[in-house]
PDB file of all heavy atoms in Angstrom:
ATOM      1  N   LEU A   1      23.859  95.054  90.173  1.00  0.00           N
ATOM      2  CA  LEU A   1      22.465  95.025  90.652  1.00  0.00           C
ATOM      3  C   LEU A   1      21.854  93.673  90.701  1.00  0.00           C
ATOM      4  O   LEU A   1      20.824  93.448  91.377  1.00  0.00           O
ATOM      5  CB  LEU A   1      21.529  95.975  89.839  1.00  0.00           C
ATOM      6  CG  LEU A   1      21.884  97.434  89.692  1.00  0.00           C
ATOM      7  CD1 LEU A   1      21.074  98.119  88.754  1.00  0.00           C
ATOM      8  CD2 LEU A   1      21.881  98.081  91.040  1.00  0.00           C
ATOM      9  N   ARG A   2      22.519  92.709  90.062  1.00  0.00           N
ATOM     10  CA  ARG A   2      21.911  91.289  89.915  1.00  0.00           C
ATOM     11  C   ARG A   2      20.566  91.252  89.471  1.00  0.00           C
ATOM     12  O   ARG A   2      19.670  90.617  90.202  1.00  0.00           O
ATOM     13  CB  ARG A   2      22.187  90.686  91.292  1.00  0.00           C
ATOM     14  CG  ARG A   2      23.715  90.595  91.696  1.00  0.00           C
ATOM     15  CD  ARG A   2      23.867  89.958  93.126  1.00  0.00           C
ATOM     16  NE  ARG A   2      25.245  89.977  93.382  1.00  0.00           N
ATOM     17  CZ  ARG A   2      25.790  89.748  94.546  1.00  0.00           C
ATOM     18  NH1 ARG A   2      24.971  89.323  95.610  1.00  0.00           N
ATOM     19  NH2 ARG A   2      27.069  89.744  94.875  1.00  0.00           N
ATOM     20  N   PRO A   3      20.214  91.818  88.439  1.00  0.00           N
ATOM     21  CA  PRO A   3      18.848  91.870  87.963  1.00  0.00           C
ATOM     22  C   PRO A   3      18.325  90.465  87.393  1.00  0.00           C
ATOM     23  O   PRO A   3      19.111  89.606  87.211  1.00  0.00           O
ATOM     24  CB  PRO A   3      18.863  92.883  86.709  1.00  0.00           C
ATOM     25  CG  PRO A   3      20.199  92.668  86.162  1.00  0.00           C
ATOM     26  CD  PRO A   3      21.130  92.375  87.378  1.00  0.00           C
ATOM     27  N   LYS A   4      17.052  90.365  87.368  1.00  0.00           N
ATOM     28  CA  LYS A   4      16.461  89.188  86.814  1.00  0.00           C
ATOM     29  C   LYS A   4      16.588  89.101  85.282  1.00  0.00           C
ATOM     30  O   LYS A   4      16.779  87.985  84.692  1.00  0.00           O
ATOM     31  CB  LYS A   4      14.889  89.120  87.077  1.00  0.00           C
ATOM     32  CG  LYS A   4      14.583  88.857  88.604  1.00  0.00           C
ATOM     33  CD  LYS A   4      13.145  88.880  88.831  1.00  0.00           C
ATOM     34  CE  LYS A   4      12.881  88.636  90.280  1.00  0.00           C
ATOM     35  NZ  LYS A   4      11.390  88.759  90.580  1.00  0.00           N
ATOM     36  N   LEU A   5      16.545  90.224  84.558  1.00  0.00           N
ATOM     37  CA  LEU A   5      16.662  90.462  83.249  1.00  0.00           C
ATOM     38  C   LEU A   5      17.634  91.460  82.835  1.00  0.00           C
ATOM     39  O   LEU A   5      17.807  92.412  83.508  1.00  0.00           O
ATOM     40  CB  LEU A   5      15.335  90.726  82.518  1.00  0.00           C
ATOM     41  CG  LEU A   5      14.259  89.653  82.417  1.00  0.00           C
ATOM     42  CD1 LEU A   5      12.969  90.305  81.942  1.00  0.00           C
ATOM     43  CD2 LEU A   5      14.731  88.485  81.738  1.00  0.00           C
ATOM     44  N   LEU A   6      18.391  91.305  81.715  1.00  0.00           N
ATOM     45  CA  LEU A   6      19.447  92.258  81.283  1.00  0.00           C
ATOM     46  C   LEU A   6      18.975  92.572  79.960  1.00  0.00           C
ATOM     47  O   LEU A   6      18.586  91.849  78.979  1.00  0.00           O
ATOM     48  CB  LEU A   6      20.761  91.535  81.101  1.00  0.00           C
ATOM     49  CG  LEU A   6      22.003  92.353  81.088  1.00  0.00           C
ATOM     50  CD1 LEU A   6      22.019  93.454  82.170  1.00  0.00           C
ATOM     51  CD2 LEU A   6      23.201  91.487  81.136  1.00  0.00           C
ATOM     52  N   LEU A   7      18.768  94.066  79.746  1.00  0.00           N
ATOM     53  CA  LEU A   7      18.259  94.604  78.492  1.00  0.00           C
ATOM     54  C   LEU A   7      19.349  95.448  77.851  1.00  0.00           C
ATOM     55  O   LEU A   7      19.965  96.294  78.484  1.00  0.00           O
ATOM     56  CB  LEU A   7      17.067  95.444  78.803  1.00  0.00           C
ATOM     57  CG  LEU A   7      15.950  94.821  79.613  1.00  0.00           C
ATOM     58  CD1 LEU A   7      14.771  95.688  79.862  1.00  0.00           C
ATOM     59  CD2 LEU A   7      15.385  93.478  78.960  1.00  0.00           C
ATOM     60  N   PHE A   8      19.629  95.183  76.576  1.00  0.00           N
ATOM     61  CA  PHE A   8      20.589  95.934  75.814  1.00  0.00           C
ATOM     62  C   PHE A   8      19.849  96.726  74.689  1.00  0.00           C
ATOM     63  O   PHE A   8      19.342  96.122  73.785  1.00  0.00           O
ATOM     64  CB  PHE A   8      21.601  94.985  75.217  1.00  0.00           C
ATOM     65  CG  PHE A   8      22.452  94.205  76.197  1.00  0.00           C
ATOM     66  CD1 PHE A   8      22.065  93.019  76.660  1.00  0.00           C
ATOM     67  CD2 PHE A   8      23.704  94.776  76.647  1.00  0.00           C
ATOM     68  CE1 PHE A   8      22.863  92.327  77.475  1.00  0.00           C
ATOM     69  CE2 PHE A   8      24.434  94.075  77.566  1.00  0.00           C
ATOM     70  CZ  PHE A   8      24.058  92.865  77.971  1.00  0.00           C
ATOM     71  N   ASP A   9      20.104  98.039  74.736  1.00  0.00           N
ATOM     72  CA  ASP A   9      19.426  98.879  73.671  1.00  0.00           C
ATOM     73  C   ASP A   9      20.548  99.420  72.658  1.00  0.00           C
ATOM     74  O   ASP A   9      21.123 100.487  72.952  1.00  0.00           O
ATOM     75  CB  ASP A   9      18.626 100.035  74.254  1.00  0.00           C
ATOM     76  CG  ASP A   9      17.928 100.925  73.279  1.00  0.00           C
ATOM     77  OD1 ASP A   9      17.817 100.351  72.063  1.00  0.00           O
ATOM     78  OD2 ASP A   9      17.278 101.824  73.594  1.00  0.00           O
ATOM     79  N   GLU A  10      20.876  98.656  71.756  1.00  0.00           N
ATOM     80  CA  GLU A  10      22.026  98.985  70.747  1.00  0.00           C
ATOM     81  C   GLU A  10      23.159  99.528  71.498  1.00  0.00           C
ATOM     82  O   GLU A  10      23.720 100.587  71.196  1.00  0.00           O
ATOM     83  CB  GLU A  10      21.482 100.062  69.673  1.00  0.00           C
ATOM     84  CG  GLU A  10      20.223  99.519  69.017  1.00  0.00           C
ATOM     85  CD  GLU A  10      20.123 100.115  67.500  1.00  0.00           C
ATOM     86  OE1 GLU A  10      21.121 100.151  66.947  1.00  0.00           O
ATOM     87  OE2 GLU A  10      19.003 100.346  67.134  1.00  0.00           O
ATOM     88  N   PRO A  11      23.829  98.723  72.336  1.00  0.00           N
ATOM     89  CA  PRO A  11      24.771  99.172  73.271  1.00  0.00           C
ATOM     90  C   PRO A  11      26.231  99.477  72.614  1.00  0.00           C
ATOM     91  O   PRO A  11      27.042 100.170  73.129  1.00  0.00           O
ATOM     92  CB  PRO A  11      24.980  98.168  74.383  1.00  0.00           C
ATOM     93  CG  PRO A  11      24.606  96.842  73.443  1.00  0.00           C
ATOM     94  CD  PRO A  11      23.437  97.351  72.739  1.00  0.00           C
ATOM     95  N   LEU A  12      26.398  98.927  71.347  1.00  0.00           N
ATOM     96  CA  LEU A  12      27.697  98.984  70.667  1.00  0.00           C
ATOM     97  C   LEU A  12      27.625  99.963  69.587  1.00  0.00           C
ATOM     98  O   LEU A  12      28.667 100.117  68.857  1.00  0.00           O
ATOM     99  CB  LEU A  12      28.091  97.604  70.197  1.00  0.00           C
ATOM    100  CG  LEU A  12      28.015  96.530  71.211  1.00  0.00           C
ATOM    101  CD1 LEU A  12      28.535  95.157  70.542  1.00  0.00           C
ATOM    102  CD2 LEU A  12      28.837  96.868  72.464  1.00  0.00           C
ATOM    103  N   SER A  13      26.577 100.770  69.334  1.00  0.00           N
ATOM    104  CA  SER A  13      26.454 101.707  68.233  1.00  0.00           C
ATOM    105  C   SER A  13      27.512 102.814  68.165  1.00  0.00           C
ATOM    106  O   SER A  13      27.815 103.234  67.044  1.00  0.00           O
ATOM    107  CB  SER A  13      25.112 102.226  68.128  1.00  0.00           C
ATOM    108  OG  SER A  13      24.136 101.254  67.879  1.00  0.00           O
ATOM    109  N   ASN A  14      28.053 103.171  69.419  1.00  0.00           N
ATOM    110  CA  ASN A  14      28.885 104.327  69.379  1.00  0.00           C
ATOM    111  C   ASN A  14      30.442 103.895  69.303  1.00  0.00           C
ATOM    112  O   ASN A  14      31.274 104.731  69.440  1.00  0.00           O
ATOM    113  CB  ASN A  14      28.715 105.035  70.689  1.00  0.00           C
ATOM    114  CG  ASN A  14      27.431 105.787  70.721  1.00  0.00           C
ATOM    115  OD1 ASN A  14      26.895 106.099  69.662  1.00  0.00           O
ATOM    116  ND2 ASN A  14      26.982 106.095  71.844  1.00  0.00           N
ATOM    117  N   LEU A  15      30.654 102.602  69.113  1.00  0.00           N
ATOM    118  CA  LEU A  15      32.035 102.183  69.048  1.00  0.00           C
ATOM    119  C   LEU A  15      32.529 101.919  67.614  1.00  0.00           C
ATOM    120  O   LEU A  15      31.709 101.743  66.664  1.00  0.00           O
ATOM    121  CB  LEU A  15      32.205 100.733  69.852  1.00  0.00           C
ATOM    122  CG  LEU A  15      31.719 100.772  71.281  1.00  0.00           C
ATOM    123  CD1 LEU A  15      31.826  99.377  71.926  1.00  0.00           C
ATOM    124  CD2 LEU A  15      32.474 101.777  72.129  1.00  0.00           C
ATOM    125  N   ASP A  16      33.803 101.958  67.366  1.00  0.00           N
ATOM    126  CA  ASP A  16      34.229 101.712  66.050  1.00  0.00           C
ATOM    127  C   ASP A  16      34.138 100.273  65.746  1.00  0.00           C
ATOM    128  O   ASP A  16      33.863  99.362  66.624  1.00  0.00           O
ATOM    129  CB  ASP A  16      35.736 102.118  65.968  1.00  0.00           C
ATOM    130  CG  ASP A  16      36.656 101.421  66.806  1.00  0.00           C
ATOM    131  OD1 ASP A  16      36.763 100.227  66.684  1.00  0.00           O
ATOM    132  OD2 ASP A  16      37.341 102.035  67.674  1.00  0.00           O
ATOM    133  N   ALA A  17      34.241  99.956  64.419  1.00  0.00           N
ATOM    134  CA  ALA A  17      33.988  98.594  63.937  1.00  0.00           C
ATOM    135  C   ALA A  17      34.765  97.474  64.594  1.00  0.00           C
ATOM    136  O   ALA A  17      34.172  96.447  65.044  1.00  0.00           O
ATOM    137  CB  ALA A  17      34.186  98.488  62.375  1.00  0.00           C
ATOM    138  N   LYS A  18      36.035  97.680  64.741  1.00  0.00           N
ATOM    139  CA  LYS A  18      36.907  96.574  65.341  1.00  0.00           C
ATOM    140  C   LYS A  18      36.535  96.380  66.901  1.00  0.00           C
ATOM    141  O   LYS A  18      36.471  95.358  67.233  1.00  0.00           O
ATOM    142  CB  LYS A  18      38.412  97.047  65.218  1.00  0.00           C
ATOM    143  CG  LYS A  18      39.293  95.855  65.728  1.00  0.00           C
ATOM    144  CD  LYS A  18      40.819  96.237  65.427  1.00  0.00           C
ATOM    145  CE  LYS A  18      41.767  95.161  65.778  1.00  0.00           C
ATOM    146  NZ  LYS A  18      43.196  95.559  65.494  1.00  0.00           N
ATOM    147  N   LEU A  19      36.297  97.585  67.551  1.00  0.00           N
ATOM    148  CA  LEU A  19      35.953  97.317  69.008  1.00  0.00           C
ATOM    149  C   LEU A  19      34.563  96.792  69.143  1.00  0.00           C
ATOM    150  O   LEU A  19      34.310  96.058  70.057  1.00  0.00           O
ATOM    151  CB  LEU A  19      35.904  98.836  69.631  1.00  0.00           C
ATOM    152  CG  LEU A  19      35.891  98.787  71.193  1.00  0.00           C
ATOM    153  CD1 LEU A  19      36.875  97.765  71.814  1.00  0.00           C
ATOM    154  CD2 LEU A  19      35.964 100.182  71.615  1.00  0.00           C
ATOM    155  N   ARG A  20      33.645  96.912  68.150  1.00  0.00           N
ATOM    156  CA  ARG A  20      32.269  96.401  68.258  1.00  0.00           C
ATOM    157  C   ARG A  20      32.433  94.901  68.156  1.00  0.00           C
ATOM    158  O   ARG A  20      31.790  94.226  68.955  1.00  0.00           O
ATOM    159  CB  ARG A  20      31.484  96.963  67.156  1.00  0.00           C
ATOM    160  CG  ARG A  20      30.952  98.344  67.234  1.00  0.00           C
ATOM    161  CD  ARG A  20      30.023  98.699  66.103  1.00  0.00           C
ATOM    162  NE  ARG A  20      28.817  98.004  66.279  1.00  0.00           N
ATOM    163  CZ  ARG A  20      27.640  98.401  65.614  1.00  0.00           C
ATOM    164  NH1 ARG A  20      27.684  99.470  64.850  1.00  0.00           N
ATOM    165  NH2 ARG A  20      26.545  97.783  65.801  1.00  0.00           N
ATOM    166  N   VAL A  21      33.301  94.391  67.317  1.00  0.00           N
ATOM    167  CA  VAL A  21      33.451  92.957  67.114  1.00  0.00           C
ATOM    168  C   VAL A  21      33.965  92.404  68.468  1.00  0.00           C
ATOM    169  O   VAL A  21      33.487  91.379  68.948  1.00  0.00           O
ATOM    170  CB  VAL A  21      34.347  92.705  66.027  1.00  0.00           C
ATOM    171  CG1 VAL A  21      34.691  91.110  66.028  1.00  0.00           C
ATOM    172  CG2 VAL A  21      33.819  93.024  64.695  1.00  0.00           C
ATOM    173  N   GLN A  22      34.962  93.112  69.068  1.00  0.00           N
ATOM    174  CA  GLN A  22      35.508  92.545  70.383  1.00  0.00           C
ATOM    175  C   GLN A  22      34.511  92.639  71.490  1.00  0.00           C
ATOM    176  O   GLN A  22      34.438  91.592  72.124  1.00  0.00           O
ATOM    177  CB  GLN A  22      36.688  93.556  70.782  1.00  0.00           C
ATOM    178  CG  GLN A  22      37.312  93.033  72.067  1.00  0.00           C
ATOM    179  CD  GLN A  22      38.433  94.051  72.408  1.00  0.00           C
ATOM    180  OE1 GLN A  22      38.937  94.846  71.631  1.00  0.00           O
ATOM    181  NE2 GLN A  22      38.684  94.174  73.769  1.00  0.00           N
ATOM    182  N   MET A  23      33.741  93.674  71.533  1.00  0.00           N
ATOM    183  CA  MET A  23      32.780  93.780  72.619  1.00  0.00           C
ATOM    184  C   MET A  23      31.601  92.794  72.468  1.00  0.00           C
ATOM    185  O   MET A  23      31.113  92.400  73.521  1.00  0.00           O
ATOM    186  CB  MET A  23      32.207  95.281  72.759  1.00  0.00           C
ATOM    187  CG  MET A  23      33.221  96.238  73.310  1.00  0.00           C
ATOM    188  SD  MET A  23      33.715  95.871  74.959  1.00  0.00           S
ATOM    189  CE  MET A  23      32.073  95.961  75.893  1.00  0.00           C
ATOM    190  N   ARG A  24      31.208  92.554  71.292  1.00  0.00           N
ATOM    191  CA  ARG A  24      30.100  91.640  71.185  1.00  0.00           C
ATOM    192  C   ARG A  24      30.525  90.205  71.635  1.00  0.00           C
ATOM    193  O   ARG A  24      29.600  89.589  72.261  1.00  0.00           O
ATOM    194  CB  ARG A  24      29.549  91.522  69.770  1.00  0.00           C
ATOM    195  CG  ARG A  24      30.432  90.917  68.731  1.00  0.00           C
ATOM    196  CD  ARG A  24      29.800  90.755  67.365  1.00  0.00           C
ATOM    197  NE  ARG A  24      29.491  92.027  66.710  1.00  0.00           N
ATOM    198  CZ  ARG A  24      29.740  92.305  65.444  1.00  0.00           C
ATOM    199  NH1 ARG A  24      30.121  91.328  64.614  1.00  0.00           N
ATOM    200  NH2 ARG A  24      29.513  93.470  64.877  1.00  0.00           N
ATOM    201  N   HIS A  25      31.743  89.847  71.414  1.00  0.00           N
ATOM    202  CA  HIS A  25      32.171  88.590  71.926  1.00  0.00           C
ATOM    203  C   HIS A  25      32.243  88.653  73.433  1.00  0.00           C
ATOM    204  O   HIS A  25      31.965  87.582  74.134  1.00  0.00           O
ATOM    205  CB  HIS A  25      33.530  88.198  71.322  1.00  0.00           C
ATOM    206  CG  HIS A  25      33.416  87.796  69.903  1.00  0.00           C
ATOM    207  ND1 HIS A  25      32.780  86.723  69.428  1.00  0.00           N
ATOM    208  CD2 HIS A  25      33.979  88.436  68.828  1.00  0.00           C
ATOM    209  CE1 HIS A  25      32.764  86.605  68.161  1.00  0.00           C
ATOM    210  NE2 HIS A  25      33.585  87.603  67.721  1.00  0.00           N
ATOM    211  N   GLU A  26      32.707  89.753  74.057  1.00  0.00           N
ATOM    212  CA  GLU A  26      32.897  89.879  75.503  1.00  0.00           C
ATOM    213  C   GLU A  26      31.453  89.854  76.158  1.00  0.00           C
ATOM    214  O   GLU A  26      31.368  89.182  77.097  1.00  0.00           O
ATOM    215  CB  GLU A  26      33.597  91.143  75.761  1.00  0.00           C
ATOM    216  CG  GLU A  26      35.115  91.080  75.460  1.00  0.00           C
ATOM    217  CD  GLU A  26      35.885  92.279  75.919  1.00  0.00           C
ATOM    218  OE1 GLU A  26      35.272  93.101  76.756  1.00  0.00           O
ATOM    219  OE2 GLU A  26      37.005  92.465  75.505  1.00  0.00           O
ATOM    220  N   ILE A  27      30.530  90.598  75.546  1.00  0.00           N
ATOM    221  CA  ILE A  27      29.137  90.562  76.114  1.00  0.00           C
ATOM    222  C   ILE A  27      28.642  89.183  76.088  1.00  0.00           C
ATOM    223  O   ILE A  27      28.087  88.708  77.005  1.00  0.00           O
ATOM    224  CB  ILE A  27      28.254  91.586  75.430  1.00  0.00           C
ATOM    225  CG1 ILE A  27      28.742  93.029  75.764  1.00  0.00           C
ATOM    226  CG2 ILE A  27      26.882  91.406  75.683  1.00  0.00           C
ATOM    227  CD1 ILE A  27      28.087  94.073  74.972  1.00  0.00           C
ATOM    228  N   ARG A  28      28.777  88.511  74.957  1.00  0.00           N
ATOM    229  CA  ARG A  28      28.221  87.078  74.825  1.00  0.00           C
ATOM    230  C   ARG A  28      28.845  86.193  75.865  1.00  0.00           C
ATOM    231  O   ARG A  28      28.111  85.388  76.554  1.00  0.00           O
ATOM    232  CB  ARG A  28      28.584  86.617  73.448  1.00  0.00           C
ATOM    233  CG  ARG A  28      28.096  85.154  73.239  1.00  0.00           C
ATOM    234  CD  ARG A  28      26.670  84.967  73.372  1.00  0.00           C
ATOM    235  NE  ARG A  28      26.213  83.668  72.884  1.00  0.00           N
ATOM    236  CZ  ARG A  28      24.990  83.128  73.147  1.00  0.00           C
ATOM    237  NH1 ARG A  28      24.081  83.800  73.933  1.00  0.00           N
ATOM    238  NH2 ARG A  28      24.653  81.906  72.693  1.00  0.00           N
ATOM    239  N   GLY A  29      30.117  86.317  75.960  1.00  0.00           N
ATOM    240  CA  GLY A  29      30.838  85.374  77.035  1.00  0.00           C
ATOM    241  C   GLY A  29      30.441  85.766  78.447  1.00  0.00           C
ATOM    242  O   GLY A  29      30.142  84.763  79.299  1.00  0.00           O
ATOM    243  N   LEU A  30      30.308  86.967  78.786  1.00  0.00           N
ATOM    244  CA  LEU A  30      29.951  87.382  80.052  1.00  0.00           C
ATOM    245  C   LEU A  30      28.412  87.016  80.372  1.00  0.00           C
ATOM    246  O   LEU A  30      28.163  86.607  81.447  1.00  0.00           O
ATOM    247  CB  LEU A  30      30.112  88.904  80.205  1.00  0.00           C
ATOM    248  CG  LEU A  30      29.879  89.480  81.620  1.00  0.00           C
ATOM    249  CD1 LEU A  30      30.873  88.834  82.588  1.00  0.00           C
ATOM    250  CD2 LEU A  30      30.187  90.967  81.422  1.00  0.00           C
ATOM    251  N   GLN A  31      27.578  87.236  79.331  1.00  0.00           N
ATOM    252  CA  GLN A  31      26.196  86.800  79.617  1.00  0.00           C
ATOM    253  C   GLN A  31      26.102  85.345  79.904  1.00  0.00           C
ATOM    254  O   GLN A  31      25.225  84.886  80.755  1.00  0.00           O
ATOM    255  CB  GLN A  31      25.307  87.296  78.414  1.00  0.00           C
ATOM    256  CG  GLN A  31      23.779  86.982  78.547  1.00  0.00           C
ATOM    257  CD  GLN A  31      23.375  85.674  78.007  1.00  0.00           C
ATOM    258  OE1 GLN A  31      24.037  85.096  77.204  1.00  0.00           O
ATOM    259  NE2 GLN A  31      22.211  85.251  78.532  1.00  0.00           N
ATOM    260  N   LYS A  32      26.808  84.488  79.218  1.00  0.00           N
ATOM    261  CA  LYS A  32      26.718  83.060  79.540  1.00  0.00           C
ATOM    262  C   LYS A  32      27.395  82.646  80.766  1.00  0.00           C
ATOM    263  O   LYS A  32      26.937  81.885  81.462  1.00  0.00           O
ATOM    264  CB  LYS A  32      27.476  82.327  78.347  1.00  0.00           C
ATOM    265  CG  LYS A  32      26.623  82.260  77.006  1.00  0.00           C
ATOM    266  CD  LYS A  32      25.271  81.562  77.347  1.00  0.00           C
ATOM    267  CE  LYS A  32      24.360  81.537  76.149  1.00  0.00           C
ATOM    268  NZ  LYS A  32      23.056  81.114  76.427  1.00  0.00           N
ATOM    269  N   GLU A  33      28.441  83.387  81.186  1.00  0.00           N
ATOM    270  CA  GLU A  33      29.095  83.175  82.458  1.00  0.00           C
ATOM    271  C   GLU A  33      28.129  83.530  83.685  1.00  0.00           C
ATOM    272  O   GLU A  33      28.085  82.648  84.627  1.00  0.00           O
ATOM    273  CB  GLU A  33      30.331  84.020  82.505  1.00  0.00           C
ATOM    274  CG  GLU A  33      31.178  83.781  83.874  1.00  0.00           C
ATOM    275  CD  GLU A  33      32.370  84.601  83.970  1.00  0.00           C
ATOM    276  OE1 GLU A  33      32.796  85.265  82.877  1.00  0.00           O
ATOM    277  OE2 GLU A  33      32.963  84.681  85.042  1.00  0.00           O
ATOM    278  N   VAL A  34      27.461  84.612  83.553  1.00  0.00           N
ATOM    279  CA  VAL A  34      26.628  84.949  84.675  1.00  0.00           C
ATOM    280  C   VAL A  34      25.173  84.407  84.553  1.00  0.00           C
ATOM    281  O   VAL A  34      24.449  84.238  85.559  1.00  0.00           O
ATOM    282  CB  VAL A  34      26.494  86.524  84.844  1.00  0.00           C
ATOM    283  CG1 VAL A  34      27.778  87.049  85.184  1.00  0.00           C
ATOM    284  CG2 VAL A  34      25.806  87.058  83.607  1.00  0.00           C
ATOM    285  N   GLY A  35      24.761  83.973  83.478  1.00  0.00           N
ATOM    286  CA  GLY A  35      23.558  83.300  83.247  1.00  0.00           C
ATOM    287  C   GLY A  35      22.329  84.053  83.245  1.00  0.00           C
ATOM    288  O   GLY A  35      21.208  83.534  83.560  1.00  0.00           O
ATOM    289  N   ILE A  36      22.398  85.431  83.062  1.00  0.00           N
ATOM    290  CA  ILE A  36      21.253  86.247  83.144  1.00  0.00           C
ATOM    291  C   ILE A  36      20.453  86.284  81.768  1.00  0.00           C
ATOM    292  O   ILE A  36      21.027  86.473  80.750  1.00  0.00           O
ATOM    293  CB  ILE A  36      21.647  87.682  83.389  1.00  0.00           C
ATOM    294  CG1 ILE A  36      22.255  87.755  84.802  1.00  0.00           C
ATOM    295  CG2 ILE A  36      20.380  88.615  83.514  1.00  0.00           C
ATOM    296  CD1 ILE A  36      22.845  89.150  85.249  1.00  0.00           C
ATOM    297  N   THR A  37      19.097  86.027  81.854  1.00  0.00           N
ATOM    298  CA  THR A  37      18.333  86.081  80.689  1.00  0.00           C
ATOM    299  C   THR A  37      18.364  87.566  80.063  1.00  0.00           C
ATOM    300  O   THR A  37      18.266  88.433  80.803  1.00  0.00           O
ATOM    301  CB  THR A  37      16.880  85.734  81.076  1.00  0.00           C
ATOM    302  OG1 THR A  37      16.947  84.398  81.715  1.00  0.00           O
ATOM    303  CG2 THR A  37      15.995  85.663  79.846  1.00  0.00           C
ATOM    304  N   SER A  38      18.531  87.654  78.715  1.00  0.00           N
ATOM    305  CA  SER A  38      18.942  88.966  78.133  1.00  0.00           C
ATOM    306  C   SER A  38      18.030  89.085  76.903  1.00  0.00           C
ATOM    307  O   SER A  38      17.791  88.246  76.130  1.00  0.00           O
ATOM    308  CB  SER A  38      20.306  89.076  77.940  1.00  0.00           C
ATOM    309  OG  SER A  38      21.052  88.848  79.104  1.00  0.00           O
ATOM    310  N   LEU A  39      17.721  90.417  76.643  1.00  0.00           N
ATOM    311  CA  LEU A  39      17.133  90.851  75.395  1.00  0.00           C
ATOM    312  C   LEU A  39      18.177  91.904  74.787  1.00  0.00           C
ATOM    313  O   LEU A  39      18.681  92.786  75.530  1.00  0.00           O
ATOM    314  CB  LEU A  39      15.840  91.600  75.512  1.00  0.00           C
ATOM    315  CG  LEU A  39      14.663  90.785  76.174  1.00  0.00           C
ATOM    316  CD1 LEU A  39      13.448  91.504  76.170  1.00  0.00           C
ATOM    317  CD2 LEU A  39      14.518  89.440  75.274  1.00  0.00           C
ATOM    318  N   PHE A  40      18.491  91.816  73.475  1.00  0.00           N
ATOM    319  CA  PHE A  40      19.416  92.655  72.822  1.00  0.00           C
ATOM    320  C   PHE A  40      18.898  93.238  71.585  1.00  0.00           C
ATOM    321  O   PHE A  40      18.576  92.411  70.616  1.00  0.00           O
ATOM    322  CB  PHE A  40      20.667  91.794  72.576  1.00  0.00           C
ATOM    323  CG  PHE A  40      21.884  92.585  72.171  1.00  0.00           C
ATOM    324  CD1 PHE A  40      22.967  92.684  73.078  1.00  0.00           C
ATOM    325  CD2 PHE A  40      22.072  92.985  70.886  1.00  0.00           C
ATOM    326  CE1 PHE A  40      24.122  93.233  72.686  1.00  0.00           C
ATOM    327  CE2 PHE A  40      23.261  93.690  70.502  1.00  0.00           C
ATOM    328  CZ  PHE A  40      24.260  93.837  71.370  1.00  0.00           C
ATOM    329  N   VAL A  41      18.701  94.512  71.486  1.00  0.00           N
ATOM    330  CA  VAL A  41      18.186  95.257  70.381  1.00  0.00           C
ATOM    331  C   VAL A  41      19.397  95.673  69.423  1.00  0.00           C
ATOM    332  O   VAL A  41      20.282  96.299  69.926  1.00  0.00           O
ATOM    333  CB  VAL A  41      17.304  96.413  70.765  1.00  0.00           C
ATOM    334  CG1 VAL A  41      17.187  97.314  69.549  1.00  0.00           C
ATOM    335  CG2 VAL A  41      15.974  95.926  71.309  1.00  0.00           C
ATOM    336  N   THR A  42      19.225  95.351  68.137  1.00  0.00           N
ATOM    337  CA  THR A  42      20.253  95.753  67.246  1.00  0.00           C
ATOM    338  C   THR A  42      19.651  95.822  65.810  1.00  0.00           C
ATOM    339  O   THR A  42      18.632  95.199  65.501  1.00  0.00           O
ATOM    340  CB  THR A  42      21.470  94.813  67.194  1.00  0.00           C
ATOM    341  OG1 THR A  42      22.452  95.320  66.277  1.00  0.00           O
ATOM    342  CG2 THR A  42      21.151  93.475  66.911  1.00  0.00           C
ATOM    343  N   HIS A  43      20.231  96.740  65.011  1.00  0.00           N
ATOM    344  CA  HIS A  43      19.897  96.714  63.522  1.00  0.00           C
ATOM    345  C   HIS A  43      21.100  96.038  62.792  1.00  0.00           C
ATOM    346  O   HIS A  43      20.876  96.033  61.494  1.00  0.00           O
ATOM    347  CB  HIS A  43      19.693  98.186  63.091  1.00  0.00           C
ATOM    348  CG  HIS A  43      21.015  99.055  63.170  1.00  0.00           C
ATOM    349  ND1 HIS A  43      21.258  99.704  64.297  1.00  0.00           N
ATOM    350  CD2 HIS A  43      21.949  99.210  62.261  1.00  0.00           C
ATOM    351  CE1 HIS A  43      22.384 100.344  64.083  1.00  0.00           C
ATOM    352  NE2 HIS A  43      22.884 100.090  62.908  1.00  0.00           N
TER     353      HIS A  43
END
C-alpha cells in the first residue's frame, strides 16, 4: 500500500521464542530498507 506510516500492534506475540527473534531482525532490516516511519507496540 506504500503507506506514510507503518503501525505494529504486538505483531510477534503469536510466534514461538526463536521465530520471534528472527522476525524482529527481519522487520528491523526491512523497515530500514524501505525507510517508512514506524510505531511498534510491545510489552
